[in-house]
Amino acid sequence: MTATILTQTYNFSAYMIYLPIVITLTVLVSQFLFKNSKTFMIDIFHQKQDIAMATNSLFKIGFYLLNIGFALCIIEFFQIETVERLVVALSKKIGGFSIYLGIMMLLNLLLFLKGRKHEMNKDKIKDEEIIES
């Protein structure tokens, strides 16, 4: 008979620490971003609050799905055998996810700004056409 040596790993602990942190980060960033984007949406949709809020909610759901899906895709930890390695692995994963989340937030903000700029240019062209008439 061969003896099996069981070594304790901290992988399960890593998952139990990682998941609540990335989900909380995603929720906090999403709430901040989409609470403040309402103004952009209302401006883009010419004060039509119902369409602006519906669109904002759809963006928010997409943001959740994309970011939580990415967090779950990168969740794998490999043989974490010491507390020191646990801290290092979590720092890398959560830090990388935080950078990704920041980039996603900036991309969403750029989309809002681009939509607002497009609508302002459209309004400017309409105003010029009215003046010329």
Protein backbone atom coordinates (compact mmCIF):
# COMPACT_ATOMS: atom_id res chain seq x y z
CA MET A 1 0.00 0.00 0.00
CA THR A 2 1.14 3.47 -0.76
CA ALA A 3 0.67 6.25 1.71
CA THR A 4 -0.91 9.42 0.48
CA ILE A 5 0.32 12.65 1.94
CA LEU A 6 -2.43 15.18 2.31
CA THR A 7 -1.32 18.75 2.32
CA GLN A 8 -3.56 21.54 3.44
CA THR A 9 -4.16 24.19 0.84
CA TYR A 10 -5.77 27.57 1.22
CA ASN A 11 -7.56 27.42 -2.14
CA PHE A 12 -11.05 27.25 -0.66
CA SER A 13 -10.24 30.19 1.61
CA ALA A 14 -9.02 32.13 -1.43
CA TYR A 15 -12.33 31.55 -3.21
CA MET A 16 -14.33 32.52 -0.12
CA ILE A 17 -12.37 35.76 0.23
CA TYR A 18 -12.14 36.60 -3.49
CA LEU A 19 -15.81 36.24 -4.45
CA PRO A 20 -17.38 38.63 -1.91
CA ILE A 21 -14.70 41.23 -2.57
CA VAL A 22 -15.07 41.28 -6.37
CA ILE A 23 -18.85 41.18 -6.20
CA THR A 24 -18.88 44.05 -3.69
CA LEU A 25 -16.44 46.06 -5.82
CA THR A 26 -18.60 45.51 -8.89
CA VAL A 27 -21.78 46.57 -7.08
CA LEU A 28 -20.18 49.68 -5.56
CA VAL A 29 -18.65 50.83 -8.85
CA SER A 30 -21.89 50.12 -10.69
CA GLN A 31 -24.01 52.05 -8.20
CA PHE A 32 -21.67 55.03 -8.30
CA LEU A 33 -21.37 55.03 -12.09
CA PHE A 34 -25.04 54.60 -12.92
CA LYS A 35 -26.33 56.92 -10.20
CA ASN A 36 -24.20 59.68 -11.69
CA SER A 37 -24.87 58.74 -15.32
CA LYS A 38 -28.59 59.55 -15.03
CA THR A 39 -27.81 63.18 -15.83
CA PHE A 40 -26.03 62.18 -19.04
CA MET A 41 -28.85 59.88 -20.07
CA ILE A 42 -31.54 62.49 -19.48
CA ASP A 43 -29.52 64.98 -21.51
CA ILE A 44 -28.91 62.46 -24.32
CA PHE A 45 -32.61 61.57 -24.52
CA HIS A 46 -33.81 65.21 -24.48
CA GLN A 47 -35.31 65.18 -20.98
CA LYS A 48 -37.35 62.03 -21.67
CA GLN A 49 -36.78 60.56 -18.24
CA ASP A 50 -38.54 57.22 -18.82
CA ILE A 51 -36.36 56.29 -21.81
CA ALA A 52 -33.23 57.61 -20.09
CA MET A 53 -33.83 55.54 -16.94
CA ALA A 54 -34.70 52.40 -18.91
CA THR A 55 -31.52 52.72 -20.97
CA ASN A 56 -29.48 53.40 -17.84
CA SER A 57 -30.90 50.24 -16.24
CA LEU A 58 -29.98 48.17 -19.29
CA PHE A 59 -26.43 49.53 -19.21
CA LYS A 60 -26.26 48.68 -15.50
CA ILE A 61 -27.37 45.08 -16.05
CA GLY A 62 -24.84 44.69 -18.86
CA PHE A 63 -22.13 46.13 -16.60
CA TYR A 64 -22.99 43.60 -13.87
CA LEU A 65 -23.04 40.65 -16.26
CA LEU A 66 -19.80 41.57 -17.97
CA ASN A 67 -17.82 42.27 -14.82
CA ILE A 68 -19.09 39.45 -12.63
CA GLY A 69 -18.67 37.07 -15.57
CA PHE A 70 -15.06 38.20 -15.99
CA ALA A 71 -14.43 37.86 -12.24
CA LEU A 72 -15.70 34.27 -12.39
CA CYS A 73 -13.57 33.49 -15.46
CA ILE A 74 -10.35 34.47 -13.71
CA ILE A 75 -11.17 32.85 -10.36
CA GLU A 76 -8.80 29.87 -10.58
CA PHE A 77 -6.14 29.63 -7.88
CA PHE A 78 -3.30 27.08 -7.95
CA GLN A 79 -2.02 25.17 -4.89
CA ILE A 80 -1.88 27.87 -2.28
CA GLU A 81 0.00 26.23 0.56
CA THR A 82 0.90 29.10 2.87
CA VAL A 83 -0.87 32.18 4.18
CA GLU A 84 1.79 34.33 2.51
CA ARG A 85 0.99 32.80 -0.89
CA LEU A 86 -2.72 33.26 -0.17
CA VAL A 87 -2.21 36.99 0.39
CA VAL A 88 -0.04 37.32 -2.74
CA ALA A 89 -2.51 35.37 -4.91
CA LEU A 90 -5.48 37.39 -3.64
CA SER A 91 -3.61 40.66 -4.13
CA LYS A 92 -2.82 39.78 -7.74
CA LYS A 93 -6.34 38.62 -8.55
CA ILE A 94 -8.19 41.43 -6.80
CA GLY A 95 -5.69 44.05 -8.02
CA GLY A 96 -6.00 42.83 -11.61
CA PHE A 97 -9.78 42.80 -11.34
CA SER A 98 -9.77 46.32 -9.86
CA ILE A 99 -7.72 47.59 -12.81
CA TYR A 100 -10.12 45.87 -15.23
CA LEU A 101 -13.11 47.35 -13.37
CA GLY A 102 -11.60 50.83 -13.53
CA ILE A 103 -11.05 50.48 -17.28
CA MET A 104 -14.65 49.32 -17.74
CA MET A 105 -15.90 52.29 -15.73
CA LEU A 106 -13.88 54.70 -17.87
CA LEU A 107 -15.16 53.05 -21.07
CA ASN A 108 -18.74 53.48 -19.87
CA LEU A 109 -18.06 57.09 -19.00
CA LEU A 110 -16.60 57.65 -22.47
CA LEU A 111 -19.74 56.12 -24.00
CA PHE A 112 -21.92 58.51 -21.99
CA LEU A 113 -19.78 61.50 -22.98
CA LYS A 114 -19.78 60.46 -26.64
CA GLY A 115 -23.57 60.08 -26.61
CA ARG A 116 -23.96 63.49 -25.01
CA LYS A 117 -21.57 65.10 -27.50
CA HIS A 118 -23.42 63.46 -30.41
CA GLU A 119 -26.75 64.81 -29.17
CA MET A 120 -25.32 68.29 -28.61
CA ASN A 121 -23.93 68.32 -32.19
CA LYS A 122 -27.30 67.14 -33.48
CA ASP A 123 -29.06 69.94 -31.60
CA LYS A 124 -26.54 72.46 -32.91
CA ILE A 125 -27.19 71.36 -36.51
CA LYS A 126 -30.97 71.65 -35.94
CA ASP A 127 -30.55 75.13 -34.49
CA GLU A 128 -28.43 76.20 -37.50
CA GLU A 129 -31.07 74.85 -39.90
CA ILE A 130 -33.79 76.79 -38.10
CA ILE A 131 -31.74 80.00 -38.25
CA GLU A 132 -31.09 79.52 -41.97
CA SER A 133 -34.80 78.97 -42.72
